[in-house]
Amino acid sequence: MRTTVSLPDSLLDSARQAAAERGITFSELVEDALRLLLARAPAGAAAPFRLHTVRGRLVDPGLDLSRTSALTVQEDEASFRCR
């Protein structure tokens, strides 16, 4: 496919020189550059989420995680009982 792109003269000259040094056409250089740019992760992309799990005494097998109010009550009871 053909298209027209406007570039500053200095950038065009540098790109043509870089293509010649690599032994490729200007079009191939532009194609490679666009592929690299589009393959990069967007700026500010969040790091992959990693779930950390625990075993042993930290886990209360009787705790119903679908009831968040129960979590709050249990946490409050544990905090006030220890003081």
Protein backbone atom coordinates (compact mmCIF):
# COMPACT_ATOMS: atom_id res chain seq x y z
CA MET A 1 0.00 0.00 0.00
CA ARG A 2 1.24 3.47 -0.73
CA THR A 3 0.76 6.56 1.39
CA THR A 4 2.22 10.03 1.71
CA VAL A 5 3.97 11.14 4.88
CA SER A 6 5.44 14.56 5.60
CA LEU A 7 8.81 14.52 7.38
CA PRO A 8 11.30 17.25 8.22
CA ASP A 9 14.15 17.27 5.69
CA SER A 10 16.77 16.46 8.31
CA LEU A 11 14.83 13.41 9.52
CA LEU A 12 14.26 12.19 5.98
CA ASP A 13 17.97 12.55 5.18
CA SER A 14 18.96 10.67 8.35
CA ALA A 15 16.46 7.91 7.63
CA ARG A 16 17.64 7.49 4.03
CA GLN A 17 21.25 7.36 5.23
CA ALA A 18 20.38 4.77 7.92
CA ALA A 19 18.56 2.63 5.32
CA ALA A 20 21.55 2.79 2.96
CA GLU A 21 23.94 1.81 5.79
CA ARG A 22 21.76 -1.18 6.60
CA GLY A 23 21.40 -2.17 2.96
CA ILE A 24 17.61 -1.87 2.99
CA THR A 25 15.15 0.43 1.28
CA PHE A 26 13.69 3.52 2.92
CA SER A 27 10.29 1.80 2.93
CA GLU A 28 11.73 -1.23 4.76
CA LEU A 29 13.31 1.06 7.34
CA VAL A 30 10.01 2.86 7.95
CA GLU A 31 8.15 -0.46 8.15
CA ASP A 32 10.65 -1.88 10.67
CA ALA A 33 10.55 1.30 12.75
CA LEU A 34 6.74 1.31 12.87
CA ARG A 35 6.62 -2.37 13.81
CA LEU A 36 9.05 -1.78 16.68
CA LEU A 37 7.17 1.27 17.90
CA LEU A 38 3.78 -0.45 17.77
CA ALA A 39 5.10 -3.60 19.51
CA ARG A 40 6.28 -1.67 22.56
CA ALA A 41 4.10 -1.55 25.64
CA PRO A 42 2.29 1.76 26.03
CA ALA A 43 3.91 4.25 28.39
CA GLY A 44 2.62 3.85 31.91
CA ALA A 45 1.34 0.35 31.30
CA ALA A 46 0.73 -1.50 34.53
CA ALA A 47 3.05 -4.33 35.46
CA PRO A 48 1.45 -7.77 35.29
CA PHE A 49 -0.57 -8.55 38.41
CA ARG A 50 0.92 -11.24 40.60
CA LEU A 51 -1.23 -12.93 43.23
CA HIS A 52 0.59 -13.80 46.44
CA THR A 53 -0.85 -16.58 48.55
CA VAL A 54 -0.05 -17.80 52.06
CA ARG A 55 -0.46 -21.03 53.99
CA GLY A 56 -0.44 -22.03 57.60
CA ARG A 57 -1.38 -19.89 60.57
CA LEU A 58 -2.17 -16.80 58.50
CA VAL A 59 -5.22 -18.45 56.97
CA ASP A 60 -8.44 -18.82 58.95
CA PRO A 61 -10.30 -21.76 57.36
CA GLY A 62 -13.59 -20.68 58.99
CA LEU A 63 -13.55 -17.21 57.43
CA ASP A 64 -16.17 -16.50 54.76
CA LEU A 65 -14.44 -14.24 52.26
CA SER A 66 -17.71 -13.42 50.52
CA ARG A 67 -18.77 -11.42 53.60
CA THR A 68 -16.46 -8.42 53.84
CA SER A 69 -18.26 -7.11 56.90
CA ALA A 70 -17.21 -10.28 58.73
CA LEU A 71 -13.60 -9.52 57.83
CA THR A 72 -13.87 -6.06 59.37
CA VAL A 73 -15.48 -7.38 62.55
CA GLN A 74 -12.88 -10.11 62.93
CA GLU A 75 -10.05 -7.64 62.37
CA ASP A 76 -11.51 -5.22 64.94
CA GLU A 77 -11.98 -8.00 67.50
CA ALA A 78 -8.40 -9.16 67.01
CA SER A 79 -7.06 -5.61 67.36
CA PHE A 80 -8.98 -4.77 70.54
CA ARG A 81 -8.38 -8.17 72.14
CA CYS A 82 -4.59 -7.80 71.86
CA ARG A 83 -4.41 -4.45 73.67
